[in-house]
């Protein structure tokens, strides 16, 4: 009988499941969906391949769990940063951009999954849902700025801001200095969203 490394069998099983998901997530970010196989995850976790199937019966389910975990990690970080930033849109923009680029620097940017091939078709719709949920705070922040811009389309501006952030994340992933890229991104997006004239921004300078 396998050694139980937790107070109960249920806790042991959950601990092992978490290890499986964590290693699947790391493989996803390093090698893409094709690297997330039961054999590879079993090796990284120190388990038999059959043991991985006890938690996730198919490769597709394993990849799906890795994607979900990646977005959950990012969402938790973003939510915490925004809670600390409070209600000021300028502070919230800094928090959102800063956290997103920190994740990119650490190799945990969920945005990379949007361009990945090999994710099972069943998981593509879920991937879009998770991406939209993670992007929702940026849409809200940009919307508050857009309210100060006559005739502005908040969705278009949010898309442009998101594209800028994606480009910044790519720079960081390729070794550009995180502090400089973060400051430049915040400044670029803020300037694009600020109405002409002094004192008209909804956030602080």
N, C-alpha and C. Protein backbone atom coordinates (compact mmCIF):
# COMPACT_ATOMS: atom_id res chain seq x y z
N UNK A 1 0.85 -1.20 0.00
CA UNK A 1 0.00 0.00 0.00
C UNK A 1 0.88 1.24 0.00
N UNK A 2 0.57 2.24 -0.86
CA UNK A 2 1.39 3.45 -0.91
C UNK A 2 1.41 4.17 0.43
N UNK A 3 2.52 4.81 0.70
CA UNK A 3 2.65 5.56 1.94
C UNK A 3 1.76 6.80 1.89
N UNK A 4 1.00 7.01 2.97
CA UNK A 4 0.12 8.17 3.06
C UNK A 4 0.89 9.32 3.70
N UNK A 5 0.97 10.45 2.99
CA UNK A 5 1.76 11.59 3.45
C UNK A 5 0.89 12.74 3.93
N UNK A 6 -0.29 12.40 4.44
CA UNK A 6 -1.21 13.41 4.98
C UNK A 6 -2.03 12.73 6.06
N UNK A 7 -2.71 13.52 6.91
CA UNK A 7 -3.48 12.92 8.01
C UNK A 7 -4.55 11.95 7.57
N UNK A 8 -5.14 12.17 6.40
CA UNK A 8 -6.19 11.27 5.92
C UNK A 8 -5.92 10.90 4.47
N UNK A 9 -6.58 9.83 4.04
CA UNK A 9 -6.43 9.39 2.65
C UNK A 9 -6.94 10.47 1.70
N UNK A 10 -8.05 11.11 2.07
CA UNK A 10 -8.62 12.16 1.22
C UNK A 10 -7.66 13.33 1.08
N UNK A 11 -7.02 13.72 2.17
CA UNK A 11 -6.05 14.82 2.11
C UNK A 11 -4.82 14.43 1.31
N UNK A 12 -4.40 13.20 1.44
CA UNK A 12 -3.27 12.71 0.66
C UNK A 12 -3.59 12.74 -0.83
N UNK A 13 -4.78 12.30 -1.17
CA UNK A 13 -5.19 12.29 -2.57
C UNK A 13 -5.24 13.70 -3.13
N UNK A 14 -5.77 14.65 -2.35
CA UNK A 14 -5.85 16.03 -2.80
C UNK A 14 -4.46 16.64 -2.95
N UNK A 15 -3.56 16.30 -2.05
CA UNK A 15 -2.19 16.79 -2.14
C UNK A 15 -1.53 16.29 -3.43
N UNK A 16 -1.71 15.04 -3.72
CA UNK A 16 -1.15 14.47 -4.94
C UNK A 16 -1.80 15.10 -6.19
N UNK A 17 -3.10 15.31 -6.14
CA UNK A 17 -3.78 15.93 -7.28
C UNK A 17 -3.21 17.32 -7.53
N UNK A 18 -2.97 18.08 -6.46
CA UNK A 18 -2.42 19.42 -6.62
C UNK A 18 -1.03 19.35 -7.24
N UNK A 19 -0.24 18.37 -6.85
CA UNK A 19 1.10 18.22 -7.43
C UNK A 19 1.00 17.90 -8.92
N UNK A 20 0.05 17.05 -9.27
CA UNK A 20 -0.16 16.70 -10.67
C UNK A 20 -0.53 17.94 -11.48
N UNK A 21 -1.46 18.74 -10.96
CA UNK A 21 -1.91 19.94 -11.68
C UNK A 21 -0.78 20.96 -11.79
N UNK A 22 -0.05 21.16 -10.71
CA UNK A 22 1.05 22.12 -10.73
C UNK A 22 2.09 21.74 -11.77
N UNK A 23 2.45 20.47 -11.82
CA UNK A 23 3.45 20.03 -12.80
C UNK A 23 2.90 20.09 -14.22
N UNK A 24 1.61 19.82 -14.38
CA UNK A 24 0.99 19.95 -15.70
C UNK A 24 1.02 21.41 -16.14
N UNK A 25 0.75 22.32 -15.23
CA UNK A 25 0.78 23.75 -15.55
C UNK A 25 2.18 24.20 -15.97
N UNK A 26 3.19 23.75 -15.23
CA UNK A 26 4.57 24.12 -15.56
C UNK A 26 4.97 23.57 -16.93
N UNK A 27 4.58 22.34 -17.22
CA UNK A 27 4.87 21.76 -18.53
C UNK A 27 4.15 22.52 -19.64
N UNK A 28 2.92 22.94 -19.37
CA UNK A 28 2.15 23.70 -20.36
C UNK A 28 2.88 24.98 -20.73
N UNK A 29 3.41 25.69 -19.73
CA UNK A 29 4.07 26.96 -20.00
C UNK A 29 5.45 26.78 -20.64
N UNK A 30 6.10 25.67 -20.35
CA UNK A 30 7.43 25.42 -20.93
C UNK A 30 7.36 24.83 -22.32
N UNK A 31 6.43 23.90 -22.52
CA UNK A 31 6.45 23.09 -23.75
C UNK A 31 5.17 23.17 -24.57
N UNK A 32 4.15 23.87 -24.05
CA UNK A 32 2.88 23.92 -24.75
C UNK A 32 2.04 22.67 -24.49
N UNK A 33 0.85 22.62 -25.05
CA UNK A 33 -0.06 21.49 -24.79
C UNK A 33 0.52 20.12 -25.13
N UNK A 34 1.37 20.04 -26.16
CA UNK A 34 1.92 18.74 -26.55
C UNK A 34 2.85 18.17 -25.47
N UNK A 35 3.36 19.04 -24.60
CA UNK A 35 4.23 18.57 -23.52
C UNK A 35 3.48 18.06 -22.31
N UNK A 36 2.16 18.31 -22.28
CA UNK A 36 1.35 17.89 -21.13
C UNK A 36 0.76 16.52 -21.42
N UNK A 37 1.53 15.48 -21.12
CA UNK A 37 1.07 14.11 -21.30
C UNK A 37 1.06 13.42 -19.93
N UNK A 38 0.25 12.39 -19.78
CA UNK A 38 0.25 11.67 -18.50
C UNK A 38 1.64 11.16 -18.14
N UNK A 39 2.40 10.69 -19.13
CA UNK A 39 3.74 10.17 -18.84
C UNK A 39 4.67 11.27 -18.34
N UNK A 40 4.63 12.44 -18.99
CA UNK A 40 5.51 13.55 -18.59
C UNK A 40 5.13 14.08 -17.21
N UNK A 41 3.84 14.20 -16.96
CA UNK A 41 3.38 14.70 -15.67
C UNK A 41 3.69 13.68 -14.57
N UNK A 42 3.53 12.41 -14.87
CA UNK A 42 3.85 11.36 -13.89
C UNK A 42 5.33 11.42 -13.52
N UNK A 43 6.20 11.59 -14.51
CA UNK A 43 7.64 11.66 -14.25
C UNK A 43 7.97 12.86 -13.39
N UNK A 44 7.38 14.02 -13.70
CA UNK A 44 7.65 15.23 -12.93
C UNK A 44 7.14 15.13 -11.50
N UNK A 45 6.09 14.36 -11.31
CA UNK A 45 5.47 14.24 -9.99
C UNK A 45 6.01 13.09 -9.18
N UNK A 46 6.71 12.16 -9.83
CA UNK A 46 7.22 10.99 -9.13
C UNK A 46 6.17 9.93 -8.93
N UNK A 47 5.24 9.84 -9.88
CA UNK A 47 4.17 8.85 -9.80
C UNK A 47 4.21 7.93 -11.01
N UNK A 48 3.52 6.82 -10.91
CA UNK A 48 3.33 5.96 -12.07
C UNK A 48 2.30 6.62 -12.99
N UNK A 49 2.43 6.38 -14.28
CA UNK A 49 1.49 7.00 -15.22
C UNK A 49 0.05 6.61 -14.89
N UNK A 50 -0.15 5.39 -14.46
CA UNK A 50 -1.50 4.94 -14.12
C UNK A 50 -2.09 5.76 -12.98
N UNK A 51 -1.23 6.26 -12.10
CA UNK A 51 -1.71 7.07 -10.98
C UNK A 51 -2.25 8.40 -11.45
N UNK A 52 -1.63 8.98 -12.50
CA UNK A 52 -2.12 10.24 -13.05
C UNK A 52 -3.52 10.05 -13.63
N UNK A 53 -3.75 8.91 -14.27
CA UNK A 53 -5.07 8.64 -14.84
C UNK A 53 -6.15 8.55 -13.77
N UNK A 54 -5.78 8.26 -12.54
CA UNK A 54 -6.76 8.22 -11.46
C UNK A 54 -7.34 9.61 -11.18
N UNK A 55 -6.54 10.63 -11.47
CA UNK A 55 -6.99 12.00 -11.23
C UNK A 55 -7.61 12.61 -12.48
N UNK A 56 -6.98 12.37 -13.63
CA UNK A 56 -7.45 12.92 -14.90
C UNK A 56 -7.40 11.81 -15.93
N UNK A 57 -8.56 11.28 -16.32
CA UNK A 57 -8.62 10.05 -17.13
C UNK A 57 -8.17 10.21 -18.58
N UNK A 58 -8.05 11.46 -19.07
CA UNK A 58 -7.62 11.66 -20.44
C UNK A 58 -6.56 12.78 -20.49
N UNK A 59 -5.80 12.79 -21.57
CA UNK A 59 -4.83 13.87 -21.76
C UNK A 59 -5.54 15.22 -21.86
N UNK A 60 -6.69 15.24 -22.53
CA UNK A 60 -7.45 16.48 -22.65
C UNK A 60 -7.86 17.03 -21.30
N UNK A 61 -8.29 16.15 -20.41
CA UNK A 61 -8.69 16.58 -19.07
C UNK A 61 -7.50 17.14 -18.30
N UNK A 62 -6.34 16.55 -18.51
CA UNK A 62 -5.12 16.99 -17.85
C UNK A 62 -4.71 18.38 -18.34
N UNK A 63 -4.78 18.59 -19.65
CA UNK A 63 -4.47 19.90 -20.22
C UNK A 63 -5.48 20.94 -19.72
N UNK A 64 -6.74 20.55 -19.69
CA UNK A 64 -7.78 21.46 -19.19
C UNK A 64 -7.53 21.88 -17.76
N UNK A 65 -7.11 20.94 -16.93
CA UNK A 65 -6.81 21.25 -15.53
C UNK A 65 -5.63 22.21 -15.41
N UNK A 66 -4.64 22.02 -16.29
CA UNK A 66 -3.47 22.90 -16.28
C UNK A 66 -3.85 24.32 -16.67
N UNK A 67 -4.69 24.46 -17.68
CA UNK A 67 -5.14 25.78 -18.12
C UNK A 67 -5.96 26.46 -17.02
N UNK A 68 -6.88 25.72 -16.44
CA UNK A 68 -7.71 26.27 -15.35
C UNK A 68 -6.84 26.76 -14.20
N UNK A 69 -5.83 25.97 -13.86
CA UNK A 69 -4.97 26.33 -12.74
C UNK A 69 -4.15 27.58 -13.06
N UNK A 70 -3.68 27.68 -14.28
CA UNK A 70 -2.90 28.85 -14.70
C UNK A 70 -3.73 30.12 -14.57
N UNK A 71 -4.97 30.08 -15.05
CA UNK A 71 -5.83 31.25 -14.96
C UNK A 71 -6.25 31.53 -13.51
N UNK A 72 -6.47 30.49 -12.73
CA UNK A 72 -6.84 30.70 -11.33
C UNK A 72 -5.73 31.41 -10.57
N UNK A 73 -4.49 31.01 -10.83
CA UNK A 73 -3.34 31.65 -10.20
C UNK A 73 -3.27 33.12 -10.58
N UNK A 74 -3.43 33.41 -11.87
CA UNK A 74 -3.38 34.80 -12.33
C UNK A 74 -4.54 35.61 -11.78
N UNK A 75 -5.73 35.04 -11.78
CA UNK A 75 -6.91 35.76 -11.28
C UNK A 75 -6.75 36.11 -9.81
N UNK A 76 -6.22 35.19 -9.04
CA UNK A 76 -6.00 35.43 -7.62
C UNK A 76 -5.02 36.59 -7.41
N UNK A 77 -3.94 36.59 -8.18
CA UNK A 77 -2.94 37.66 -8.06
C UNK A 77 -3.53 39.01 -8.47
N UNK A 78 -4.26 39.03 -9.57
CA UNK A 78 -4.85 40.28 -10.06
C UNK A 78 -5.88 40.81 -9.07
N UNK A 79 -6.74 39.93 -8.58
CA UNK A 79 -7.78 40.34 -7.63
C UNK A 79 -7.16 40.94 -6.37
N UNK A 80 -6.10 40.32 -5.87
CA UNK A 80 -5.45 40.82 -4.66
C UNK A 80 -4.83 42.19 -4.90
N UNK A 81 -4.20 42.37 -6.05
CA UNK A 81 -3.57 43.66 -6.37
C UNK A 81 -4.62 44.75 -6.52
N UNK A 82 -5.74 44.43 -7.15
CA UNK A 82 -6.79 45.42 -7.34
C UNK A 82 -7.47 45.78 -6.02
N UNK A 83 -7.62 44.80 -5.15
CA UNK A 83 -8.21 45.07 -3.83
C UNK A 83 -7.33 46.04 -3.05
N UNK A 84 -6.03 45.86 -3.16
CA UNK A 84 -5.09 46.75 -2.47
C UNK A 84 -5.08 48.14 -3.10
N UNK A 85 -5.30 48.20 -4.41
CA UNK A 85 -5.28 49.49 -5.11
C UNK A 85 -6.47 50.37 -4.77
N UNK A 86 -7.58 49.76 -4.39
CA UNK A 86 -8.77 50.53 -4.07
C UNK A 86 -9.56 50.93 -5.30
N UNK A 87 -10.28 52.04 -5.22
CA UNK A 87 -11.24 52.41 -6.25
C UNK A 87 -10.67 53.37 -7.30
N UNK A 88 -9.55 54.00 -7.03
CA UNK A 88 -8.99 54.97 -7.96
C UNK A 88 -8.59 54.28 -9.27
N UNK A 89 -9.10 54.73 -10.42
CA UNK A 89 -8.80 54.05 -11.68
C UNK A 89 -7.33 54.10 -12.06
N UNK A 90 -6.65 55.19 -11.71
CA UNK A 90 -5.23 55.26 -12.01
C UNK A 90 -4.45 54.22 -11.24
N UNK A 91 -4.75 54.08 -9.96
CA UNK A 91 -4.08 53.08 -9.13
C UNK A 91 -4.44 51.68 -9.59
N UNK A 92 -5.67 51.47 -10.03
CA UNK A 92 -6.10 50.16 -10.49
C UNK A 92 -5.40 49.79 -11.81
N UNK A 93 -5.19 50.78 -12.67
CA UNK A 93 -4.47 50.52 -13.90
C UNK A 93 -3.03 50.10 -13.61
N UNK A 94 -2.38 50.80 -12.70
CA UNK A 94 -1.01 50.45 -12.31
C UNK A 94 -0.97 49.04 -11.75
N UNK A 95 -1.94 48.70 -10.89
CA UNK A 95 -1.97 47.38 -10.27
C UNK A 95 -2.20 46.28 -11.30
N UNK A 96 -3.12 46.52 -12.22
CA UNK A 96 -3.43 45.50 -13.23
C UNK A 96 -2.24 45.28 -14.16
N UNK A 97 -1.69 46.36 -14.67
CA UNK A 97 -0.54 46.25 -15.58
C UNK A 97 0.64 45.61 -14.86
N UNK A 98 0.94 46.09 -13.64
CA UNK A 98 2.07 45.58 -12.90
C UNK A 98 1.98 44.09 -12.62
N UNK A 99 0.80 43.65 -12.20
CA UNK A 99 0.62 42.23 -11.88
C UNK A 99 0.69 41.36 -13.13
N UNK A 100 0.06 41.83 -14.20
CA UNK A 100 0.09 41.08 -15.46
C UNK A 100 1.51 40.89 -15.96
N UNK A 101 2.31 41.94 -15.89
CA UNK A 101 3.68 41.84 -16.38
C UNK A 101 4.58 41.05 -15.43
N UNK A 102 4.28 41.10 -14.13
CA UNK A 102 5.02 40.25 -13.18
C UNK A 102 4.79 38.78 -13.52
N UNK A 103 3.55 38.43 -13.81
CA UNK A 103 3.24 37.04 -14.18
C UNK A 103 4.00 36.64 -15.45
N UNK A 104 4.06 37.57 -16.41
CA UNK A 104 4.79 37.28 -17.64
C UNK A 104 6.27 37.06 -17.36
N UNK A 105 6.83 37.89 -16.48
CA UNK A 105 8.26 37.76 -16.15
C UNK A 105 8.55 36.45 -15.45
N UNK A 106 7.56 35.92 -14.72
CA UNK A 106 7.73 34.67 -14.00
C UNK A 106 7.37 33.45 -14.84
N UNK A 107 7.00 33.69 -16.11
CA UNK A 107 6.65 32.58 -16.99
C UNK A 107 5.26 32.02 -16.75
N UNK A 108 4.38 32.82 -16.15
CA UNK A 108 3.03 32.34 -15.84
C UNK A 108 1.95 33.22 -16.47
N UNK A 109 2.22 33.75 -17.65
CA UNK A 109 1.24 34.61 -18.31
C UNK A 109 0.17 33.78 -19.00
N UNK A 110 -1.09 33.85 -18.54
CA UNK A 110 -2.15 33.07 -19.20
C UNK A 110 -2.38 33.50 -20.64
N UNK A 111 -2.01 34.74 -20.97
CA UNK A 111 -2.22 35.23 -22.32
C UNK A 111 -1.53 34.37 -23.37
N UNK A 112 -0.46 33.70 -22.99
CA UNK A 112 0.26 32.85 -23.94
C UNK A 112 -0.59 31.68 -24.42
N UNK A 113 -1.53 31.25 -23.61
CA UNK A 113 -2.33 30.08 -23.99
C UNK A 113 -3.26 30.39 -25.16
N UNK A 114 -3.58 31.68 -25.36
CA UNK A 114 -4.52 32.03 -26.44
C UNK A 114 -3.95 31.70 -27.81
N UNK A 115 -2.64 31.69 -27.94
CA UNK A 115 -2.03 31.38 -29.23
C UNK A 115 -1.54 29.95 -29.34
N UNK A 116 -1.79 29.14 -28.32
CA UNK A 116 -1.31 27.76 -28.33
C UNK A 116 -2.17 26.87 -29.20
N UNK A 117 -1.52 26.01 -29.96
CA UNK A 117 -2.24 24.98 -30.71
C UNK A 117 -2.14 23.67 -29.94
N UNK A 118 -3.12 22.84 -30.09
CA UNK A 118 -3.09 21.54 -29.42
C UNK A 118 -3.99 21.46 -28.20
N UNK A 119 -4.61 22.59 -27.81
CA UNK A 119 -5.57 22.53 -26.71
C UNK A 119 -6.83 21.86 -27.24
N UNK A 120 -7.35 20.86 -26.55
CA UNK A 120 -8.54 20.14 -27.04
C UNK A 120 -9.70 21.09 -27.32
N UNK A 121 -10.46 20.79 -28.37
CA UNK A 121 -11.57 21.66 -28.78
C UNK A 121 -12.54 21.91 -27.63
N UNK A 122 -12.73 20.90 -26.79
CA UNK A 122 -13.65 21.04 -25.67
C UNK A 122 -13.21 22.14 -24.72
N UNK A 123 -11.90 22.37 -24.66
CA UNK A 123 -11.40 23.35 -23.72
C UNK A 123 -11.24 24.76 -24.28
N UNK A 124 -11.42 24.91 -25.60
CA UNK A 124 -11.20 26.23 -26.21
C UNK A 124 -12.23 27.24 -25.73
N UNK A 125 -13.50 26.84 -25.66
CA UNK A 125 -14.54 27.75 -25.19
C UNK A 125 -14.29 28.14 -23.74
N UNK A 126 -13.87 27.18 -22.93
CA UNK A 126 -13.56 27.48 -21.53
C UNK A 126 -12.37 28.42 -21.43
N UNK A 127 -11.41 28.25 -22.31
CA UNK A 127 -10.25 29.13 -22.34
C UNK A 127 -10.68 30.57 -22.60
N UNK A 128 -11.60 30.76 -23.52
CA UNK A 128 -12.09 32.11 -23.82
C UNK A 128 -12.81 32.70 -22.61
N UNK A 129 -13.59 31.88 -21.93
CA UNK A 129 -14.30 32.35 -20.73
C UNK A 129 -13.31 32.83 -19.67
N UNK A 130 -12.28 32.04 -19.44
CA UNK A 130 -11.29 32.39 -18.43
C UNK A 130 -10.53 33.65 -18.83
N UNK A 131 -10.21 33.77 -20.12
CA UNK A 131 -9.51 34.94 -20.61
C UNK A 131 -10.37 36.19 -20.43
N UNK A 132 -11.66 36.08 -20.76
CA UNK A 132 -12.57 37.22 -20.61
C UNK A 132 -12.71 37.64 -19.15
N UNK A 133 -12.77 36.67 -18.26
CA UNK A 133 -12.89 36.98 -16.84
C UNK A 133 -11.65 37.70 -16.32
N UNK A 134 -10.49 37.27 -16.79
CA UNK A 134 -9.24 37.90 -16.36
C UNK A 134 -9.11 39.31 -16.94
N UNK A 135 -9.66 39.51 -18.13
CA UNK A 135 -9.59 40.82 -18.78
C UNK A 135 -10.66 41.79 -18.27
N UNK A 136 -11.67 41.28 -17.58
CA UNK A 136 -12.80 42.12 -17.15
C UNK A 136 -12.36 43.35 -16.35
N UNK A 137 -11.42 43.24 -15.41
CA UNK A 137 -11.02 44.44 -14.67
C UNK A 137 -10.42 45.52 -15.57
N UNK A 138 -9.66 45.12 -16.59
CA UNK A 138 -9.10 46.10 -17.51
C UNK A 138 -10.21 46.79 -18.29
N UNK A 139 -11.22 46.04 -18.70
CA UNK A 139 -12.36 46.62 -19.40
C UNK A 139 -13.05 47.65 -18.50
N UNK A 140 -13.19 47.31 -17.22
CA UNK A 140 -13.83 48.23 -16.27
C UNK A 140 -13.01 49.50 -16.09
N UNK A 141 -11.71 49.34 -15.94
CA UNK A 141 -10.82 50.50 -15.75
C UNK A 141 -10.86 51.41 -16.97
N UNK A 142 -10.71 50.83 -18.15
CA UNK A 142 -10.72 51.61 -19.38
C UNK A 142 -12.08 52.28 -19.58
N UNK A 143 -13.14 51.59 -19.19
CA UNK A 143 -14.47 52.16 -19.31
C UNK A 143 -14.64 53.44 -18.52
N UNK A 144 -14.01 53.50 -17.36
CA UNK A 144 -14.10 54.70 -16.54
C UNK A 144 -13.34 55.86 -17.18
N UNK A 145 -12.24 55.57 -17.82
CA UNK A 145 -11.52 56.60 -18.57
C UNK A 145 -12.34 57.02 -19.80
N UNK A 146 -12.90 56.03 -20.49
CA UNK A 146 -13.63 56.31 -21.74
C UNK A 146 -14.83 57.21 -21.50
N UNK A 147 -15.40 57.13 -20.29
CA UNK A 147 -16.54 57.98 -19.97
C UNK A 147 -16.19 59.46 -20.06
N UNK A 148 -14.90 59.77 -19.97
CA UNK A 148 -14.45 61.16 -20.05
C UNK A 148 -14.09 61.58 -21.48
N UNK A 149 -14.19 60.64 -22.40
CA UNK A 149 -13.81 60.92 -23.79
C UNK A 149 -15.05 60.94 -24.67
N UNK A 150 -15.43 62.09 -25.18
CA UNK A 150 -16.64 62.18 -26.00
C UNK A 150 -16.59 61.23 -27.20
N UNK A 151 -17.64 60.43 -27.34
CA UNK A 151 -17.75 59.53 -28.48
C UNK A 151 -16.87 58.31 -28.43
N UNK A 152 -16.17 58.09 -27.33
CA UNK A 152 -15.26 56.95 -27.24
C UNK A 152 -16.03 55.64 -27.10
N UNK A 153 -15.51 54.60 -27.74
CA UNK A 153 -16.08 53.26 -27.62
C UNK A 153 -15.22 52.49 -26.62
N UNK A 154 -15.77 52.24 -25.44
CA UNK A 154 -14.99 51.62 -24.36
C UNK A 154 -14.45 50.26 -24.75
N UNK A 155 -15.22 49.48 -25.53
CA UNK A 155 -14.77 48.14 -25.91
C UNK A 155 -13.57 48.22 -26.85
N UNK A 156 -13.61 49.18 -27.77
CA UNK A 156 -12.49 49.34 -28.69
C UNK A 156 -11.24 49.77 -27.91
N UNK A 157 -11.40 50.74 -27.02
CA UNK A 157 -10.26 51.20 -26.23
C UNK A 157 -9.71 50.09 -25.34
N UNK A 158 -10.60 49.28 -24.77
CA UNK A 158 -10.14 48.16 -23.94
C UNK A 158 -9.36 47.16 -24.77
N UNK A 159 -9.81 46.92 -26.02
CA UNK A 159 -9.08 46.02 -26.90
C UNK A 159 -7.70 46.54 -27.24
N UNK A 160 -7.60 47.85 -27.48
CA UNK A 160 -6.30 48.46 -27.76
C UNK A 160 -5.39 48.40 -26.55
N UNK A 161 -5.96 48.65 -25.37
CA UNK A 161 -5.15 48.57 -24.15
C UNK A 161 -4.67 47.14 -23.91
N UNK A 162 -5.56 46.17 -24.18
CA UNK A 162 -5.18 44.77 -24.02
C UNK A 162 -4.08 44.39 -24.98
N UNK A 163 -4.15 44.89 -26.23
CA UNK A 163 -3.11 44.60 -27.20
C UNK A 163 -1.77 45.18 -26.78
N UNK A 164 -1.80 46.39 -26.21
CA UNK A 164 -0.58 47.01 -25.71
C UNK A 164 0.02 46.17 -24.59
N UNK A 165 -0.84 45.69 -23.71
CA UNK A 165 -0.37 44.89 -22.59
C UNK A 165 0.20 43.55 -23.06
N UNK A 166 -0.40 42.98 -24.07
CA UNK A 166 0.12 41.72 -24.63
C UNK A 166 1.51 41.93 -25.21
N UNK A 167 1.68 43.05 -25.92
CA UNK A 167 2.99 43.36 -26.46
C UNK A 167 4.02 43.58 -25.38
N UNK A 168 3.61 44.24 -24.30
CA UNK A 168 4.52 44.47 -23.18
C UNK A 168 4.91 43.16 -22.52
N UNK A 169 3.93 42.25 -22.38
CA UNK A 169 4.22 40.94 -21.78
C UNK A 169 5.22 40.17 -22.63
N UNK A 170 5.11 40.28 -23.94
CA UNK A 170 6.06 39.60 -24.82
C UNK A 170 7.46 40.16 -24.65
N UNK A 171 7.56 41.48 -24.49
CA UNK A 171 8.87 42.10 -24.25
C UNK A 171 9.50 41.55 -22.97
N UNK A 172 8.70 41.49 -21.92
CA UNK A 172 9.21 41.00 -20.64
C UNK A 172 9.63 39.54 -20.74
N UNK A 173 8.81 38.74 -21.42
CA UNK A 173 9.13 37.32 -21.58
C UNK A 173 10.43 37.10 -22.35
N UNK A 174 10.78 38.08 -23.17
CA UNK A 174 12.02 37.97 -23.95
C UNK A 174 13.19 38.71 -23.29
N UNK A 175 13.01 39.07 -22.02
CA UNK A 175 14.13 39.59 -21.26
C UNK A 175 14.20 41.07 -21.04
N UNK A 176 13.23 41.84 -21.55
CA UNK A 176 13.24 43.28 -21.30
C UNK A 176 13.04 43.55 -19.81
N UNK A 177 13.65 44.59 -19.25
CA UNK A 177 13.55 44.86 -17.81
C UNK A 177 12.11 45.13 -17.37
N UNK A 178 11.67 44.39 -16.38
CA UNK A 178 10.29 44.50 -15.91
C UNK A 178 9.92 45.92 -15.45
N UNK A 179 10.72 46.59 -14.60
CA UNK A 179 10.33 47.92 -14.13
C UNK A 179 10.16 48.92 -15.27
N UNK A 180 11.09 48.91 -16.22
CA UNK A 180 11.02 49.85 -17.32
C UNK A 180 9.81 49.60 -18.21
N UNK A 181 9.56 48.33 -18.53
CA UNK A 181 8.43 48.00 -19.39
C UNK A 181 7.11 48.34 -18.68
N UNK A 182 7.04 48.06 -17.38
CA UNK A 182 5.83 48.36 -16.63
C UNK A 182 5.54 49.86 -16.63
N UNK A 183 6.54 50.66 -16.33
CA UNK A 183 6.36 52.11 -16.30
C UNK A 183 5.97 52.64 -17.68
N UNK A 184 6.63 52.14 -18.71
CA UNK A 184 6.33 52.61 -20.07
C UNK A 184 4.92 52.22 -20.49
N UNK A 185 4.49 51.03 -20.10
CA UNK A 185 3.15 50.56 -20.47
C UNK A 185 2.07 51.37 -19.77
N UNK A 186 2.25 51.58 -18.48
CA UNK A 186 1.28 52.40 -17.74
C UNK A 186 1.22 53.80 -18.33
N UNK A 187 2.37 54.40 -18.61
CA UNK A 187 2.40 55.74 -19.16
C UNK A 187 1.75 55.81 -20.54
N UNK A 188 2.02 54.81 -21.37
CA UNK A 188 1.46 54.77 -22.73
C UNK A 188 -0.05 54.66 -22.69
N UNK A 189 -0.57 53.70 -21.91
CA UNK A 189 -2.02 53.50 -21.84
C UNK A 189 -2.70 54.70 -21.19
N UNK A 190 -2.13 55.23 -20.13
CA UNK A 190 -2.72 56.39 -19.45
C UNK A 190 -2.81 57.58 -20.39
N UNK A 191 -1.73 57.84 -21.14
CA UNK A 191 -1.73 58.97 -22.07
C UNK A 191 -2.78 58.79 -23.16
N UNK A 192 -2.95 57.56 -23.63
CA UNK A 192 -3.93 57.30 -24.69
C UNK A 192 -5.36 57.48 -24.20
N UNK A 193 -5.57 57.29 -22.90
CA UNK A 193 -6.92 57.36 -22.35
C UNK A 193 -7.25 58.71 -21.73
N UNK A 194 -6.26 59.57 -21.63
CA UNK A 194 -6.47 60.84 -20.94
C UNK A 194 -7.04 61.88 -21.89
N UNK A 195 -8.14 62.54 -21.53
CA UNK A 195 -8.68 63.61 -22.37
C UNK A 195 -7.69 64.76 -22.50
N UNK A 196 -7.82 65.52 -23.57
CA UNK A 196 -6.97 66.69 -23.75
C UNK A 196 -7.31 67.73 -22.70
N UNK A 197 -6.29 68.42 -22.20
CA UNK A 197 -6.51 69.47 -21.21
C UNK A 197 -6.11 69.00 -19.85
N UNK A 198 -5.67 69.94 -18.99
CA UNK A 198 -5.23 69.58 -17.65
C UNK A 198 -6.36 69.23 -16.71
N UNK A 199 -6.08 68.30 -15.81
CA UNK A 199 -7.00 68.00 -14.72
C UNK A 199 -8.24 67.25 -15.12
N UNK A 200 -8.23 66.60 -16.30
CA UNK A 200 -9.44 65.94 -16.76
C UNK A 200 -9.41 64.44 -16.63
N UNK A 201 -8.29 63.86 -16.18
CA UNK A 201 -8.19 62.42 -16.02
C UNK A 201 -8.99 61.96 -14.82
N UNK A 202 -9.71 60.80 -14.92
CA UNK A 202 -10.46 60.31 -13.77
C UNK A 202 -9.56 59.76 -12.68
N UNK A 203 -8.28 59.49 -13.02
CA UNK A 203 -7.37 58.95 -12.02
C UNK A 203 -6.33 59.97 -11.65
N UNK A 204 -5.41 59.59 -10.76
CA UNK A 204 -4.35 60.49 -10.37
C UNK A 204 -3.27 60.50 -11.44
N UNK A 205 -2.49 61.54 -11.44
CA UNK A 205 -1.38 61.63 -12.39
C UNK A 205 -0.23 60.81 -11.90
